[in-house]
Amino acid sequence: MNVPLTRYCNLFGVYLKPQRAGVVLLIVLLLAVTALQVWSPQLLRQFIDAASAADTPTRTLLTLAAPFLLSALATQALPVGARHLSELVGWATTNHLSSTSITSVCGWRSGRCVSCSAGSPAVRGETRRLSCARFTH
């Protein structure tokens, strides 16, 4: 079975569209982490060059050291935020996909079983399976 790539892209877009802000923020965080990983060695190089010079005042060294330390801390903190955000986006997207699948495969509409003539409310059980008074789906 050969499915065109555009169909996958459309499916990808449908489930990530509600998470658009999170995805954009995730892209920004990942670009920021990459930029910091490139920029930090340059800051360290400037500090080492200044420290190698015999007549560099201490204030200048502290001024060069502070941005490096801040970038090092940010390089450690930003991936934690990116990972947390990616998990939130991933779980929300997975839940959206699951609810869509259950709706289309099992016939659930608005929390009610359409195959149950009484239309009893759906109950989410301990096993996380949807069930109504008559059927277990």
N, C-alpha and C. Protein backbone atom coordinates (compact mmCIF):
# COMPACT_ATOMS: atom_id res chain seq x y z
N MET A 1 0.84 -1.17 0.00
CA MET A 1 0.00 0.00 0.00
C MET A 1 0.89 1.23 0.00
N ASN A 2 0.70 2.09 -0.97
CA ASN A 2 1.51 3.28 -1.12
C ASN A 2 0.65 4.51 -0.84
N VAL A 3 0.89 5.15 0.30
CA VAL A 3 0.13 6.33 0.69
C VAL A 3 0.96 7.57 0.37
N PRO A 4 0.37 8.55 -0.33
CA PRO A 4 1.15 9.74 -0.67
C PRO A 4 1.55 10.55 0.57
N LEU A 5 2.67 11.22 0.46
CA LEU A 5 3.21 12.00 1.57
C LEU A 5 2.27 13.14 1.96
N THR A 6 1.55 13.70 1.01
CA THR A 6 0.64 14.81 1.33
C THR A 6 -0.46 14.37 2.29
N ARG A 7 -0.87 13.13 2.19
CA ARG A 7 -1.90 12.63 3.12
C ARG A 7 -1.36 12.59 4.55
N TYR A 8 -0.11 12.18 4.71
CA TYR A 8 0.50 12.18 6.04
C TYR A 8 0.67 13.61 6.55
N CYS A 9 1.07 14.52 5.67
CA CYS A 9 1.23 15.92 6.08
C CYS A 9 -0.10 16.52 6.51
N ASN A 10 -1.18 16.20 5.80
CA ASN A 10 -2.50 16.70 6.17
C ASN A 10 -2.93 16.14 7.53
N LEU A 11 -2.69 14.86 7.75
CA LEU A 11 -3.02 14.24 9.03
C LEU A 11 -2.21 14.86 10.16
N PHE A 12 -0.94 15.09 9.89
CA PHE A 12 -0.05 15.73 10.86
C PHE A 12 -0.57 17.11 11.22
N GLY A 13 -1.00 17.86 10.22
CA GLY A 13 -1.51 19.21 10.43
C GLY A 13 -2.81 19.23 11.22
N VAL A 14 -3.69 18.27 10.96
CA VAL A 14 -4.98 18.22 11.65
C VAL A 14 -4.80 18.06 13.15
N TYR A 15 -3.88 17.21 13.56
CA TYR A 15 -3.73 16.94 14.98
C TYR A 15 -2.79 17.91 15.69
N LEU A 16 -1.91 18.58 14.95
CA LEU A 16 -1.04 19.56 15.59
C LEU A 16 -1.58 20.99 15.53
N LYS A 17 -2.58 21.22 14.72
CA LYS A 17 -3.13 22.58 14.60
C LYS A 17 -3.64 23.12 15.93
N PRO A 18 -4.36 22.33 16.75
CA PRO A 18 -4.79 22.86 18.04
C PRO A 18 -3.61 23.16 18.98
N GLN A 19 -2.47 22.58 18.72
CA GLN A 19 -1.28 22.78 19.55
C GLN A 19 -0.29 23.75 18.91
N ARG A 20 -0.78 24.59 18.01
CA ARG A 20 0.07 25.47 17.21
C ARG A 20 0.99 26.34 18.08
N ALA A 21 0.45 26.96 19.12
CA ALA A 21 1.27 27.84 19.98
C ALA A 21 2.39 27.05 20.66
N GLY A 22 2.06 25.87 21.14
CA GLY A 22 3.07 25.03 21.78
C GLY A 22 4.15 24.58 20.81
N VAL A 23 3.75 24.27 19.60
CA VAL A 23 4.73 23.84 18.58
C VAL A 23 5.65 24.99 18.21
N VAL A 24 5.08 26.18 18.03
CA VAL A 24 5.90 27.35 17.70
C VAL A 24 6.87 27.66 18.84
N LEU A 25 6.38 27.62 20.08
CA LEU A 25 7.26 27.86 21.23
C LEU A 25 8.35 26.79 21.32
N LEU A 26 8.01 25.57 21.01
CA LEU A 26 8.99 24.48 21.01
C LEU A 26 10.07 24.72 19.97
N ILE A 27 9.69 25.17 18.79
CA ILE A 27 10.67 25.49 17.75
C ILE A 27 11.59 26.61 18.22
N VAL A 28 11.00 27.64 18.83
CA VAL A 28 11.81 28.77 19.34
C VAL A 28 12.79 28.29 20.42
N LEU A 29 12.31 27.44 21.33
CA LEU A 29 13.20 26.92 22.38
C LEU A 29 14.35 26.11 21.80
N LEU A 30 14.05 25.26 20.84
CA LEU A 30 15.10 24.44 20.24
C LEU A 30 16.11 25.28 19.47
N LEU A 31 15.63 26.32 18.77
CA LEU A 31 16.56 27.23 18.09
C LEU A 31 17.41 28.01 19.09
N ALA A 32 16.81 28.41 20.20
CA ALA A 32 17.55 29.13 21.23
C ALA A 32 18.64 28.24 21.85
N VAL A 33 18.32 26.99 22.10
CA VAL A 33 19.32 26.05 22.64
C VAL A 33 20.48 25.90 21.66
N THR A 34 20.16 25.75 20.39
CA THR A 34 21.20 25.62 19.37
C THR A 34 22.06 26.87 19.29
N ALA A 35 21.42 28.03 19.32
CA ALA A 35 22.17 29.29 19.27
C ALA A 35 23.08 29.44 20.49
N LEU A 36 22.59 29.07 21.66
CA LEU A 36 23.42 29.16 22.86
C LEU A 36 24.61 28.21 22.80
N GLN A 37 24.41 27.04 22.23
CA GLN A 37 25.52 26.08 22.11
C GLN A 37 26.59 26.58 21.16
N VAL A 38 26.21 27.41 20.21
CA VAL A 38 27.19 28.00 19.29
C VAL A 38 27.84 29.23 19.93
N TRP A 39 27.07 30.00 20.66
CA TRP A 39 27.53 31.27 21.21
C TRP A 39 28.41 31.10 22.45
N SER A 40 28.14 30.11 23.29
CA SER A 40 28.89 29.91 24.53
C SER A 40 30.40 29.74 24.32
N PRO A 41 30.84 28.93 23.38
CA PRO A 41 32.30 28.82 23.17
C PRO A 41 32.94 30.14 22.73
N GLN A 42 32.18 30.96 22.00
CA GLN A 42 32.72 32.27 21.59
C GLN A 42 32.93 33.17 22.80
N LEU A 43 31.98 33.12 23.74
CA LEU A 43 32.13 33.90 24.97
C LEU A 43 33.32 33.41 25.79
N LEU A 44 33.48 32.10 25.85
CA LEU A 44 34.62 31.54 26.58
C LEU A 44 35.94 31.93 25.93
N ARG A 45 35.97 31.93 24.61
CA ARG A 45 37.18 32.34 23.88
C ARG A 45 37.54 33.79 24.22
N GLN A 46 36.54 34.67 24.23
CA GLN A 46 36.80 36.07 24.58
C GLN A 46 37.34 36.19 26.00
N PHE A 47 36.79 35.41 26.92
CA PHE A 47 37.26 35.46 28.30
C PHE A 47 38.70 34.98 28.40
N ILE A 48 39.01 33.88 27.74
CA ILE A 48 40.38 33.34 27.79
C ILE A 48 41.37 34.31 27.15
N ASP A 49 40.98 34.91 26.02
CA ASP A 49 41.85 35.90 25.38
C ASP A 49 42.11 37.09 26.29
N ALA A 50 41.07 37.56 26.97
CA ALA A 50 41.23 38.69 27.88
C ALA A 50 42.05 38.31 29.10
N ALA A 51 41.86 37.09 29.60
CA ALA A 51 42.61 36.65 30.78
C ALA A 51 44.08 36.42 30.44
N SER A 52 44.37 36.07 29.19
CA SER A 52 45.75 35.84 28.77
C SER A 52 46.54 37.15 28.70
N ALA A 53 45.85 38.23 28.43
CA ALA A 53 46.53 39.53 28.38
C ALA A 53 46.91 39.94 29.80
N ALA A 54 48.11 40.43 29.95
CA ALA A 54 48.62 40.74 31.29
C ALA A 54 47.95 41.96 31.92
N ASP A 55 47.49 42.88 31.13
CA ASP A 55 46.99 44.14 31.69
C ASP A 55 45.46 44.24 31.73
N THR A 56 44.76 43.13 31.67
CA THR A 56 43.30 43.16 31.68
C THR A 56 42.80 43.35 33.11
N PRO A 57 41.96 44.36 33.35
CA PRO A 57 41.43 44.56 34.70
C PRO A 57 40.41 43.48 35.09
N THR A 58 40.29 43.28 36.37
CA THR A 58 39.37 42.26 36.89
C THR A 58 37.93 42.55 36.50
N ARG A 59 37.56 43.80 36.49
CA ARG A 59 36.19 44.19 36.12
C ARG A 59 35.86 43.72 34.69
N THR A 60 36.80 43.81 33.79
CA THR A 60 36.59 43.36 32.42
C THR A 60 36.40 41.84 32.38
N LEU A 61 37.20 41.13 33.16
CA LEU A 61 37.05 39.67 33.21
C LEU A 61 35.69 39.26 33.77
N LEU A 62 35.24 39.98 34.80
CA LEU A 62 33.92 39.69 35.36
C LEU A 62 32.81 40.01 34.35
N THR A 63 33.00 41.09 33.61
CA THR A 63 32.03 41.47 32.59
C THR A 63 31.96 40.42 31.48
N LEU A 64 33.09 39.79 31.16
CA LEU A 64 33.11 38.74 30.14
C LEU A 64 32.61 37.40 30.69
N ALA A 65 32.85 37.16 31.98
CA ALA A 65 32.46 35.88 32.59
C ALA A 65 30.95 35.79 32.81
N ALA A 66 30.32 36.90 33.14
CA ALA A 66 28.88 36.87 33.47
C ALA A 66 28.02 36.36 32.30
N PRO A 67 28.19 36.88 31.07
CA PRO A 67 27.36 36.34 29.97
C PRO A 67 27.62 34.86 29.70
N PHE A 68 28.87 34.43 29.89
CA PHE A 68 29.16 33.01 29.68
C PHE A 68 28.43 32.15 30.71
N LEU A 69 28.46 32.57 31.97
CA LEU A 69 27.77 31.80 33.01
C LEU A 69 26.27 31.79 32.78
N LEU A 70 25.72 32.92 32.38
CA LEU A 70 24.28 32.97 32.08
C LEU A 70 23.92 32.07 30.89
N SER A 71 24.77 32.08 29.88
CA SER A 71 24.49 31.22 28.72
C SER A 71 24.63 29.75 29.08
N ALA A 72 25.58 29.43 29.97
CA ALA A 72 25.73 28.05 30.41
C ALA A 72 24.51 27.58 31.20
N LEU A 73 24.00 28.45 32.07
CA LEU A 73 22.78 28.11 32.82
C LEU A 73 21.58 27.96 31.88
N ALA A 74 21.47 28.88 30.93
CA ALA A 74 20.35 28.81 29.98
C ALA A 74 20.47 27.56 29.10
N THR A 75 21.69 27.16 28.76
CA THR A 75 21.90 25.97 27.95
C THR A 75 21.43 24.72 28.70
N GLN A 76 21.49 24.76 30.03
CA GLN A 76 21.00 23.63 30.83
C GLN A 76 19.49 23.71 31.06
N ALA A 77 18.96 24.92 31.22
CA ALA A 77 17.55 25.08 31.58
C ALA A 77 16.61 24.97 30.38
N LEU A 78 16.99 25.51 29.25
CA LEU A 78 16.09 25.52 28.09
C LEU A 78 15.72 24.13 27.59
N PRO A 79 16.64 23.17 27.55
CA PRO A 79 16.22 21.82 27.12
C PRO A 79 15.21 21.18 28.06
N VAL A 80 15.26 21.51 29.35
CA VAL A 80 14.27 20.99 30.29
C VAL A 80 12.89 21.53 29.93
N GLY A 81 12.82 22.82 29.66
CA GLY A 81 11.55 23.42 29.24
C GLY A 81 11.07 22.86 27.92
N ALA A 82 12.00 22.66 26.99
CA ALA A 82 11.63 22.11 25.68
C ALA A 82 11.10 20.69 25.82
N ARG A 83 11.72 19.91 26.69
CA ARG A 83 11.26 18.53 26.87
C ARG A 83 9.87 18.51 27.50
N HIS A 84 9.66 19.36 28.50
CA HIS A 84 8.35 19.43 29.14
C HIS A 84 7.28 19.85 28.14
N LEU A 85 7.57 20.86 27.37
CA LEU A 85 6.61 21.34 26.37
C LEU A 85 6.35 20.29 25.30
N SER A 86 7.39 19.58 24.88
CA SER A 86 7.18 18.54 23.87
C SER A 86 6.31 17.41 24.41
N GLU A 87 6.45 17.10 25.69
CA GLU A 87 5.59 16.08 26.28
C GLU A 87 4.14 16.56 26.35
N LEU A 88 3.92 17.83 26.70
CA LEU A 88 2.56 18.36 26.74
C LEU A 88 1.92 18.32 25.35
N VAL A 89 2.66 18.77 24.35
CA VAL A 89 2.14 18.76 22.98
C VAL A 89 1.89 17.32 22.52
N GLY A 90 2.81 16.44 22.81
CA GLY A 90 2.67 15.04 22.41
C GLY A 90 1.47 14.37 23.05
N TRP A 91 1.28 14.57 24.35
CA TRP A 91 0.13 13.95 25.02
C TRP A 91 -1.19 14.54 24.54
N ALA A 92 -1.25 15.86 24.36
CA ALA A 92 -2.49 16.48 23.88
C ALA A 92 -2.83 15.97 22.48
N THR A 93 -1.82 15.85 21.63
CA THR A 93 -2.04 15.36 20.27
C THR A 93 -2.46 13.90 20.29
N THR A 94 -1.83 13.10 21.13
CA THR A 94 -2.19 11.69 21.25
C THR A 94 -3.62 11.53 21.76
N ASN A 95 -4.00 12.34 22.75
CA ASN A 95 -5.37 12.27 23.26
C ASN A 95 -6.39 12.67 22.19
N HIS A 96 -6.05 13.68 21.40
CA HIS A 96 -6.94 14.10 20.30
C HIS A 96 -7.09 12.96 19.28
N LEU A 97 -5.98 12.34 18.92
CA LEU A 97 -6.01 11.22 17.98
C LEU A 97 -6.81 10.05 18.54
N SER A 98 -6.62 9.75 19.82
CA SER A 98 -7.36 8.64 20.45
C SER A 98 -8.85 8.91 20.47
N SER A 99 -9.23 10.12 20.84
CA SER A 99 -10.66 10.41 20.89
C SER A 99 -11.28 10.38 19.50
N THR A 100 -10.54 10.83 18.50
CA THR A 100 -11.04 10.76 17.13
C THR A 100 -11.19 9.31 16.69
N SER A 101 -10.23 8.48 17.04
CA SER A 101 -10.29 7.06 16.66
C SER A 101 -11.46 6.37 17.33
N ILE A 102 -11.64 6.63 18.62
CA ILE A 102 -12.75 6.00 19.35
C ILE A 102 -14.09 6.45 18.76
N THR A 103 -14.17 7.74 18.44
CA THR A 103 -15.41 8.26 17.87
C THR A 103 -15.72 7.60 16.54
N SER A 104 -14.74 7.45 15.68
CA SER A 104 -15.01 6.91 14.35
C SER A 104 -15.15 5.39 14.35
N VAL A 105 -14.41 4.70 15.18
CA VAL A 105 -14.44 3.24 15.16
C VAL A 105 -15.58 2.68 16.01
N CYS A 106 -15.78 3.23 17.18
CA CYS A 106 -16.74 2.65 18.12
C CYS A 106 -18.10 3.32 18.10
N GLY A 107 -18.23 4.44 17.41
CA GLY A 107 -19.52 5.08 17.32
C GLY A 107 -19.88 5.95 18.50
N TRP A 108 -18.92 6.51 19.19
CA TRP A 108 -19.19 7.38 20.33
C TRP A 108 -19.41 8.79 19.82
N ARG A 109 -20.45 9.45 20.32
CA ARG A 109 -20.74 10.83 19.98
C ARG A 109 -21.07 11.58 21.26
N SER A 110 -20.37 12.64 21.53
CA SER A 110 -20.64 13.51 22.69
C SER A 110 -20.74 12.72 23.99
N GLY A 111 -19.86 11.74 24.16
CA GLY A 111 -19.84 10.97 25.40
C GLY A 111 -20.96 9.96 25.54
N ARG A 112 -21.68 9.69 24.47
CA ARG A 112 -22.77 8.72 24.52
C ARG A 112 -22.55 7.65 23.45
N CYS A 113 -22.93 6.44 23.78
CA CYS A 113 -22.79 5.32 22.86
C CYS A 113 -23.96 5.35 21.89
N VAL A 114 -23.66 5.45 20.58
CA VAL A 114 -24.74 5.48 19.60
C VAL A 114 -25.29 4.08 19.31
N SER A 115 -24.56 3.03 19.68
CA SER A 115 -25.07 1.68 19.46
C SER A 115 -26.00 1.25 20.59
N CYS A 116 -25.98 1.98 21.69
CA CYS A 116 -26.85 1.67 22.81
C CYS A 116 -28.16 2.45 22.62
N SER A 117 -29.26 1.75 22.51
CA SER A 117 -30.52 2.41 22.19
C SER A 117 -30.95 3.40 23.27
N ALA A 118 -30.58 3.13 24.50
CA ALA A 118 -30.96 4.04 25.58
C ALA A 118 -30.11 5.30 25.57
N GLY A 119 -28.97 5.23 24.90
CA GLY A 119 -28.09 6.40 24.85
C GLY A 119 -27.52 6.75 26.21
N SER A 120 -27.21 5.72 27.00
CA SER A 120 -26.71 5.99 28.34
C SER A 120 -25.36 6.69 28.28
N PRO A 121 -25.07 7.51 29.29
CA PRO A 121 -23.80 8.24 29.28
C PRO A 121 -22.61 7.29 29.34
N ALA A 122 -21.55 7.70 28.70
CA ALA A 122 -20.31 6.92 28.72
C ALA A 122 -19.64 7.08 30.07
N VAL A 123 -19.02 6.02 30.52
CA VAL A 123 -18.30 6.03 31.79
C VAL A 123 -16.86 5.64 31.51
N ARG A 124 -15.94 6.38 32.05
CA ARG A 124 -14.53 6.04 31.86
C ARG A 124 -14.13 5.17 33.04
N GLY A 125 -13.85 3.90 32.77
CA GLY A 125 -13.53 2.96 33.83
C GLY A 125 -12.08 3.00 34.23
N GLU A 126 -11.74 2.16 35.20
CA GLU A 126 -10.37 2.09 35.70
C GLU A 126 -9.40 1.64 34.62
N THR A 127 -9.86 0.83 33.70
CA THR A 127 -8.99 0.32 32.65
C THR A 127 -8.90 1.30 31.48
N ARG A 128 -9.53 2.47 31.64
CA ARG A 128 -9.54 3.52 30.63
C ARG A 128 -10.22 3.06 29.33
N ARG A 129 -11.10 2.07 29.44
CA ARG A 129 -11.90 1.68 28.29
C ARG A 129 -13.25 2.35 28.43
N LEU A 130 -13.80 2.79 27.32
CA LEU A 130 -15.11 3.41 27.36
C LEU A 130 -16.16 2.32 27.41
N SER A 131 -17.17 2.54 28.24
CA SER A 131 -18.22 1.54 28.33
C SER A 131 -19.55 2.25 28.60
N CYS A 132 -20.61 1.60 28.21
CA CYS A 132 -21.95 2.11 28.53
C CYS A 132 -22.64 1.01 29.33
N ALA A 133 -23.90 1.20 29.61
CA ALA A 133 -24.63 0.23 30.44
C ALA A 133 -24.73 -1.14 29.78
N ARG A 134 -24.74 -1.20 28.43
CA ARG A 134 -24.95 -2.46 27.74
C ARG A 134 -23.69 -3.05 27.13
N PHE A 135 -22.76 -2.21 26.68
CA PHE A 135 -21.63 -2.71 25.90
C PHE A 135 -20.32 -2.22 26.49
N THR A 136 -19.29 -2.96 26.22
CA THR A 136 -17.94 -2.48 26.50
C THR A 136 -17.25 -2.36 25.15
N HIS A 137 -16.76 -1.20 24.84
CA HIS A 137 -16.16 -0.92 23.54
C HIS A 137 -14.66 -0.89 23.66
